[in-house]
Each structure stands twice: as structure tokens, then as C-alpha cells.
Amino acid sequence: MRETDTAPRLVVSIALPAEADDGDFVASVVDLINRVYADAEKGLWLDGADRTNPAEVTALIRAGELAVARMGGLLVGTARIHRLATGEGEFGMLTASPLHRNLGIGRELVAFAERWARERELPRMQLELLVPQTWTHPDKEFLHGWYTRMGYREVRRSRLDEAYPALLPFLATPCDFVVYHKPL
């Protein structure tokens, strides 16, 4: 790249409601999320288990809960952002395109989610991390460290099958989900 060239700017926003009716956009979101999670959670789920589907993504867009990151108009990341019944903000389904790693996409999506929660005067942000019970998953260890450096602290650990029993048939290994909070 020449000195006069500039990289496309990263823009994070809530997906527009009309994008719920754009089949190509929904398919690109589903594909990105499922590709990222297939790699990041390899060994946790049985083969063929997808993280999401078009109906779920369409519902998230219609509810105003899907943040998308774009560079030069290209979808490069996602996060689900919503308010929990207990009053916390929560983000999940955080993804960054494998072709665009180390550009700060994840960090910008988390910052966007935290701003979203602060604007609604929510006291803290929550996230959940799925981890295997009997072995160490390198991606999960990385994420634990990354979230901790951003100020998130573990507040609870539960067996996934106790919290989300419907997911049990899809697990390839026993897992816990770890809940993190960050005061805002």
C-alpha cells in the first residue's frame, strides 16, 4: 500500500430492519457466524451443528439486536446485543471475519456493545463463554485472557446442560458456560 492509500474504515452499527428481508445479507451473516464458530468451537459440538440459522438472524435483525461491522461495505463482523431481564446488557455471537483478523474488529464490536448499554444506563455488561470441562481449548483460553484484559471478570460457572438442556444432544464433550460481567 502506498502512503497515500487508506484502508477502508471500520463502521459498526445495528443492522437496519430492512436487512432482515434481504436474503443475501441474512445468508452472509449466517455464513460468517457459522464459519467463525465452527473453527472457534471445534471439538465442542458434534459435526454439522451450526451456531445459528436464517430464522434466528432474521429475528435478531428485526428486534434491533444484531450489530454488524463493515469495512468498505463488506461484512466483517457481528455481535448480538440486548438487554437481559435482570437489567444487564449482554453481547454474544461475537465474530470477526478470519480474512480480517488483527484489525480491531472484535474490540470495536465490544466497545459498540458497551456504548449501547451505557446509553441505556445499564449497570454492567455480560457475556458467556462456552468451555470444555475436561480439557483446555486454545481459542477459549485466548478469549478468557482477552475479555479479562478488557475488564470482564468471571462471576459464575455452570454446566451447559443445566442452563441450556436443549443443547445437550449437540455437544461432543461436556461443557461449562462461564458468565463474565464488567461494570459500566
C-alpha atoms as a PDB file:
ATOM      1  CA  MET A   1       0.000   0.000   0.000  1.00  0.00           C
ATOM      2  CA  ARG A   2       1.321   3.452  -0.870  1.00  0.00           C
ATOM      3  CA  GLU A   3       1.443   6.185   1.743  1.00  0.00           C
ATOM      4  CA  THR A   4      -1.434   7.974   0.017  1.00  0.00           C
ATOM      5  CA  ASP A   5      -3.666   4.895   0.104  1.00  0.00           C
ATOM      6  CA  THR A   6      -6.012   4.458   3.024  1.00  0.00           C
ATOM      7  CA  ALA A   7      -7.543   1.286   4.350  1.00  0.00           C
ATOM      8  CA  PRO A   8     -11.351   1.112   4.363  1.00  0.00           C
ATOM      9  CA  ARG A   9     -12.788   2.498   7.581  1.00  0.00           C
ATOM     10  CA  LEU A  10     -14.443   0.092  10.017  1.00  0.00           C
ATOM     11  CA  VAL A  11     -18.065   1.031  10.693  1.00  0.00           C
ATOM     12  CA  VAL A  12     -20.139  -0.699  13.390  1.00  0.00           C
ATOM     13  CA  SER A  13     -23.889  -0.221  13.572  1.00  0.00           C
ATOM     14  CA  ILE A  14     -27.109  -2.038  14.359  1.00  0.00           C
ATOM     15  CA  ALA A  15     -28.297  -3.867  11.234  1.00  0.00           C
ATOM     16  CA  LEU A  16     -31.112  -1.994   9.523  1.00  0.00           C
ATOM     17  CA  PRO A  17     -34.583  -3.539   9.878  1.00  0.00           C
ATOM     18  CA  ALA A  18     -34.909  -3.761   6.079  1.00  0.00           C
ATOM     19  CA  GLU A  19     -31.838  -6.021   6.016  1.00  0.00           C
ATOM     20  CA  ALA A  20     -33.986  -8.732   7.647  1.00  0.00           C
ATOM     21  CA  ASP A  21     -35.751  -9.061   4.278  1.00  0.00           C
ATOM     22  CA  ASP A  22     -32.507  -9.193   2.282  1.00  0.00           C
ATOM     23  CA  GLY A  23     -31.886 -12.907   1.833  1.00  0.00           C
ATOM     24  CA  ASP A  24     -28.323 -12.400   0.605  1.00  0.00           C
ATOM     25  CA  PHE A  25     -27.436 -10.259   3.625  1.00  0.00           C
ATOM     26  CA  VAL A  26     -29.007 -12.721   6.083  1.00  0.00           C
ATOM     27  CA  ALA A  27     -27.185 -15.606   4.360  1.00  0.00           C
ATOM     28  CA  SER A  28     -23.857 -13.739   4.587  1.00  0.00           C
ATOM     29  CA  VAL A  29     -24.379 -13.125   8.328  1.00  0.00           C
ATOM     30  CA  VAL A  30     -25.334 -16.764   8.951  1.00  0.00           C
ATOM     31  CA  ASP A  31     -22.340 -17.968   6.930  1.00  0.00           C
ATOM     32  CA  LEU A  32     -19.880 -15.691   8.764  1.00  0.00           C
ATOM     33  CA  ILE A  33     -21.161 -16.668  12.217  1.00  0.00           C
ATOM     34  CA  ASN A  34     -21.212 -20.392  11.443  1.00  0.00           C
ATOM     35  CA  ARG A  35     -17.739 -20.361   9.837  1.00  0.00           C
ATOM     36  CA  VAL A  36     -16.180 -18.499  12.762  1.00  0.00           C
ATOM     37  CA  TYR A  37     -17.861 -20.674  15.391  1.00  0.00           C
ATOM     38  CA  ALA A  38     -17.044 -23.921  13.541  1.00  0.00           C
ATOM     39  CA  ASP A  39     -13.379 -23.040  13.970  1.00  0.00           C
ATOM     40  CA  ALA A  40     -13.502 -21.310  17.371  1.00  0.00           C
ATOM     41  CA  GLU A  41     -15.549 -24.088  18.987  1.00  0.00           C
ATOM     42  CA  LYS A  42     -14.019 -27.051  17.148  1.00  0.00           C
ATOM     43  CA  GLY A  43     -14.318 -30.161  19.308  1.00  0.00           C
ATOM     44  CA  LEU A  44     -17.140 -28.795  21.478  1.00  0.00           C
ATOM     45  CA  TRP A  45     -20.026 -29.647  19.160  1.00  0.00           C
ATOM     46  CA  LEU A  46     -20.887 -32.660  17.063  1.00  0.00           C
ATOM     47  CA  ASP A  47     -20.078 -32.337  13.370  1.00  0.00           C
ATOM     48  CA  GLY A  48     -22.761 -30.458  11.476  1.00  0.00           C
ATOM     49  CA  ALA A  49     -24.004 -28.432  14.459  1.00  0.00           C
ATOM     50  CA  ASP A  50     -24.402 -24.805  13.355  1.00  0.00           C
ATOM     51  CA  ARG A  51     -24.298 -21.822  15.689  1.00  0.00           C
ATOM     52  CA  THR A  52     -27.204 -20.053  14.008  1.00  0.00           C
ATOM     53  CA  ASN A  53     -29.658 -20.142  11.114  1.00  0.00           C
ATOM     54  CA  PRO A  54     -31.508 -17.685   8.856  1.00  0.00           C
ATOM     55  CA  ALA A  55     -34.634 -17.592  11.042  1.00  0.00           C
ATOM     56  CA  GLU A  56     -32.629 -16.662  14.157  1.00  0.00           C
ATOM     57  CA  VAL A  57     -30.592 -13.993  12.353  1.00  0.00           C
ATOM     58  CA  THR A  58     -33.726 -12.524  10.761  1.00  0.00           C
ATOM     59  CA  ALA A  59     -35.375 -12.336  14.200  1.00  0.00           C
ATOM     60  CA  LEU A  60     -32.296 -10.658  15.714  1.00  0.00           C
ATOM     61  CA  ILE A  61     -32.247  -8.051  12.950  1.00  0.00           C
ATOM     62  CA  ARG A  62     -35.973  -7.351  13.328  1.00  0.00           C
ATOM     63  CA  ALA A  63     -35.506  -6.989  17.109  1.00  0.00           C
ATOM     64  CA  GLY A  64     -32.658  -4.493  16.615  1.00  0.00           C
ATOM     65  CA  GLU A  65     -30.229  -6.842  18.377  1.00  0.00           C
ATOM     66  CA  LEU A  66     -27.634  -7.515  15.669  1.00  0.00           C
ATOM     67  CA  ALA A  67     -24.606  -5.259  15.439  1.00  0.00           C
ATOM     68  CA  VAL A  68     -22.618  -5.564  12.237  1.00  0.00           C
ATOM     69  CA  ALA A  69     -19.113  -4.400  11.413  1.00  0.00           C
ATOM     70  CA  ARG A  70     -18.375  -3.387   7.831  1.00  0.00           C
ATOM     71  CA  MET A  71     -15.223  -2.301   6.049  1.00  0.00           C
ATOM     72  CA  GLY A  72     -15.798  -0.650   2.707  1.00  0.00           C
ATOM     73  CA  GLY A  73     -19.351  -2.010   2.801  1.00  0.00           C
ATOM     74  CA  LEU A  74     -18.133  -5.595   3.304  1.00  0.00           C
ATOM     75  CA  LEU A  75     -19.495  -7.525   6.305  1.00  0.00           C
ATOM     76  CA  VAL A  76     -16.501  -8.346   8.542  1.00  0.00           C
ATOM     77  CA  GLY A  77     -18.027  -8.942  11.991  1.00  0.00           C
ATOM     78  CA  THR A  78     -21.146  -9.374  14.100  1.00  0.00           C
ATOM     79  CA  ALA A  79     -22.362  -9.302  17.675  1.00  0.00           C
ATOM     80  CA  ARG A  80     -25.737  -9.837  19.274  1.00  0.00           C
ATOM     81  CA  ILE A  81     -26.528  -7.056  21.755  1.00  0.00           C
ATOM     82  CA  HIS A  82     -29.546  -6.989  24.030  1.00  0.00           C
ATOM     83  CA  ARG A  83     -30.862  -6.174  27.486  1.00  0.00           C
ATOM     84  CA  LEU A  84     -31.329  -9.080  29.872  1.00  0.00           C
ATOM     85  CA  ALA A  85     -34.440  -9.351  32.050  1.00  0.00           C
ATOM     86  CA  THR A  86     -32.117  -8.904  35.057  1.00  0.00           C
ATOM     87  CA  GLY A  87     -31.093  -5.432  33.812  1.00  0.00           C
ATOM     88  CA  GLU A  88     -27.636  -6.111  32.380  1.00  0.00           C
ATOM     89  CA  GLY A  89     -26.620  -5.568  28.810  1.00  0.00           C
ATOM     90  CA  GLU A  90     -25.305  -8.677  27.097  1.00  0.00           C
ATOM     91  CA  PHE A  91     -23.345  -9.324  23.976  1.00  0.00           C
ATOM     92  CA  GLY A  92     -22.750 -12.668  22.323  1.00  0.00           C
ATOM     93  CA  MET A  93     -22.267 -14.270  18.924  1.00  0.00           C
ATOM     94  CA  LEU A  94     -19.178 -12.075  18.570  1.00  0.00           C
ATOM     95  CA  THR A  95     -17.443 -12.780  15.272  1.00  0.00           C
ATOM     96  CA  ALA A  96     -14.679 -11.289  13.171  1.00  0.00           C
ATOM     97  CA  SER A  97     -14.015 -12.487   9.656  1.00  0.00           C
ATOM     98  CA  PRO A  98     -10.995 -14.818   9.528  1.00  0.00           C
ATOM     99  CA  LEU A  99      -9.830 -12.826   6.491  1.00  0.00           C
ATOM    100  CA  HIS A 100      -9.792  -9.612   8.534  1.00  0.00           C
ATOM    101  CA  ARG A 101      -8.248 -10.648  11.853  1.00  0.00           C
ATOM    102  CA  ASN A 102      -5.993  -8.387  13.915  1.00  0.00           C
ATOM    103  CA  LEU A 103      -7.672  -5.223  12.651  1.00  0.00           C
ATOM    104  CA  GLY A 104      -9.560  -4.464  15.870  1.00  0.00           C
ATOM    105  CA  ILE A 105     -12.961  -5.680  14.648  1.00  0.00           C
ATOM    106  CA  GLY A 106     -13.761  -7.640  17.817  1.00  0.00           C
ATOM    107  CA  ARG A 107     -12.555  -4.818  20.044  1.00  0.00           C
ATOM    108  CA  GLU A 108     -14.733  -2.310  18.143  1.00  0.00           C
ATOM    109  CA  LEU A 109     -17.778  -4.572  18.364  1.00  0.00           C
ATOM    110  CA  VAL A 110     -17.309  -4.930  22.143  1.00  0.00           C
ATOM    111  CA  ALA A 111     -16.835  -1.151  22.504  1.00  0.00           C
ATOM    112  CA  PHE A 112     -20.006  -0.600  20.460  1.00  0.00           C
ATOM    113  CA  ALA A 113     -21.936  -3.039  22.692  1.00  0.00           C
ATOM    114  CA  GLU A 114     -20.677  -1.304  25.832  1.00  0.00           C
ATOM    115  CA  ARG A 115     -21.659   2.141  24.462  1.00  0.00           C
ATOM    116  CA  TRP A 116     -25.080   0.731  23.572  1.00  0.00           C
ATOM    117  CA  ALA A 117     -25.529  -0.447  27.184  1.00  0.00           C
ATOM    118  CA  ARG A 118     -24.252   2.824  28.682  1.00  0.00           C
ATOM    119  CA  GLU A 119     -26.686   4.817  26.515  1.00  0.00           C
ATOM    120  CA  ARG A 120     -29.472   2.771  28.096  1.00  0.00           C
ATOM    121  CA  GLU A 121     -27.988   3.342  31.572  1.00  0.00           C
ATOM    122  CA  LEU A 122     -27.433  -0.360  32.154  1.00  0.00           C
ATOM    123  CA  PRO A 123     -25.115  -1.004  35.113  1.00  0.00           C
ATOM    124  CA  ARG A 124     -22.984  -3.744  33.584  1.00  0.00           C
ATOM    125  CA  MET A 125     -22.315  -5.834  30.523  1.00  0.00           C
ATOM    126  CA  GLN A 126     -22.445  -9.627  30.480  1.00  0.00           C
ATOM    127  CA  LEU A 127     -21.060 -12.262  28.175  1.00  0.00           C
ATOM    128  CA  GLU A 128     -20.994 -16.054  28.262  1.00  0.00           C
ATOM    129  CA  LEU A 129     -18.127 -18.232  27.152  1.00  0.00           C
ATOM    130  CA  LEU A 130     -18.532 -21.943  26.418  1.00  0.00           C
ATOM    131  CA  VAL A 131     -15.592 -24.020  27.699  1.00  0.00           C
ATOM    132  CA  PRO A 132     -14.913 -27.761  27.811  1.00  0.00           C
ATOM    133  CA  GLN A 133     -14.921 -29.325  31.284  1.00  0.00           C
ATOM    134  CA  THR A 134     -12.116 -31.859  30.835  1.00  0.00           C
ATOM    135  CA  TRP A 135      -9.589 -30.214  28.503  1.00  0.00           C
ATOM    136  CA  THR A 136      -8.264 -26.795  27.556  1.00  0.00           C
ATOM    137  CA  HIS A 137      -9.433 -25.241  24.300  1.00  0.00           C
ATOM    138  CA  PRO A 138      -6.814 -22.775  22.974  1.00  0.00           C
ATOM    139  CA  ASP A 139      -9.364 -20.367  21.487  1.00  0.00           C
ATOM    140  CA  LYS A 140     -11.292 -20.271  24.753  1.00  0.00           C
ATOM    141  CA  GLU A 141      -8.088 -19.625  26.722  1.00  0.00           C
ATOM    142  CA  PHE A 142      -7.293 -16.751  24.334  1.00  0.00           C
ATOM    143  CA  LEU A 143     -10.793 -15.291  24.751  1.00  0.00           C
ATOM    144  CA  HIS A 144     -10.641 -15.598  28.549  1.00  0.00           C
ATOM    145  CA  GLY A 145      -7.441 -13.552  28.562  1.00  0.00           C
ATOM    146  CA  TRP A 146      -8.766 -11.053  26.019  1.00  0.00           C
ATOM    147  CA  TYR A 147     -12.013 -10.429  27.913  1.00  0.00           C
ATOM    148  CA  THR A 148     -10.126 -10.191  31.218  1.00  0.00           C
ATOM    149  CA  ARG A 149      -7.795  -7.544  29.754  1.00  0.00           C
ATOM    150  CA  MET A 150     -10.911  -5.576  28.732  1.00  0.00           C
ATOM    151  CA  GLY A 151     -12.148  -5.591  32.332  1.00  0.00           C
ATOM    152  CA  TYR A 152     -14.509  -8.580  32.337  1.00  0.00           C
ATOM    153  CA  ARG A 153     -14.485 -10.840  35.393  1.00  0.00           C
ATOM    154  CA  GLU A 154     -15.882 -14.330  35.847  1.00  0.00           C
ATOM    155  CA  VAL A 155     -18.944 -14.230  38.105  1.00  0.00           C
ATOM    156  CA  ARG A 156     -20.418 -17.690  37.582  1.00  0.00           C
ATOM    157  CA  ARG A 157     -19.700 -21.078  36.038  1.00  0.00           C
ATOM    158  CA  SER A 158     -22.402 -23.650  35.310  1.00  0.00           C
ATOM    159  CA  ARG A 159     -22.745 -26.850  33.355  1.00  0.00           C
ATOM    160  CA  LEU A 160     -24.128 -26.078  29.918  1.00  0.00           C
ATOM    161  CA  ASP A 161     -26.623 -28.933  30.094  1.00  0.00           C
ATOM    162  CA  GLU A 162     -28.092 -27.457  33.311  1.00  0.00           C
ATOM    163  CA  ALA A 163     -28.544 -23.996  31.824  1.00  0.00           C
ATOM    164  CA  TYR A 164     -29.376 -24.956  28.241  1.00  0.00           C
ATOM    165  CA  PRO A 165     -30.615 -28.574  28.272  1.00  0.00           C
ATOM    166  CA  ALA A 166     -31.827 -28.381  24.650  1.00  0.00           C
ATOM    167  CA  LEU A 167     -28.182 -28.083  23.521  1.00  0.00           C
ATOM    168  CA  LEU A 168     -27.057 -31.307  25.215  1.00  0.00           C
ATOM    169  CA  PRO A 169     -27.688 -33.585  22.175  1.00  0.00           C
ATOM    170  CA  PHE A 170     -25.363 -31.413  20.073  1.00  0.00           C
ATOM    171  CA  LEU A 171     -22.363 -31.418  22.442  1.00  0.00           C
ATOM    172  CA  ALA A 172     -19.335 -33.513  21.544  1.00  0.00           C
ATOM    173  CA  THR A 173     -17.823 -33.058  25.017  1.00  0.00           C
ATOM    174  CA  PRO A 174     -19.127 -31.946  28.426  1.00  0.00           C
ATOM    175  CA  CYS A 175     -19.019 -28.160  28.645  1.00  0.00           C
ATOM    176  CA  ASP A 176     -19.493 -25.364  31.127  1.00  0.00           C
ATOM    177  CA  PHE A 177     -20.580 -21.891  30.336  1.00  0.00           C
ATOM    178  CA  VAL A 178     -18.726 -19.143  32.117  1.00  0.00           C
ATOM    179  CA  VAL A 179     -20.518 -15.864  32.763  1.00  0.00           C
ATOM    180  CA  TYR A 180     -18.447 -12.661  32.823  1.00  0.00           C
ATOM    181  CA  HIS A 181     -19.504  -9.188  33.952  1.00  0.00           C
ATOM    182  CA  LYS A 182     -17.996  -5.771  33.507  1.00  0.00           C
ATOM    183  CA  PRO A 183     -19.291  -2.714  35.391  1.00  0.00           C
ATOM    184  CA  LEU A 184     -20.117   0.138  33.033  1.00  0.00           C
END
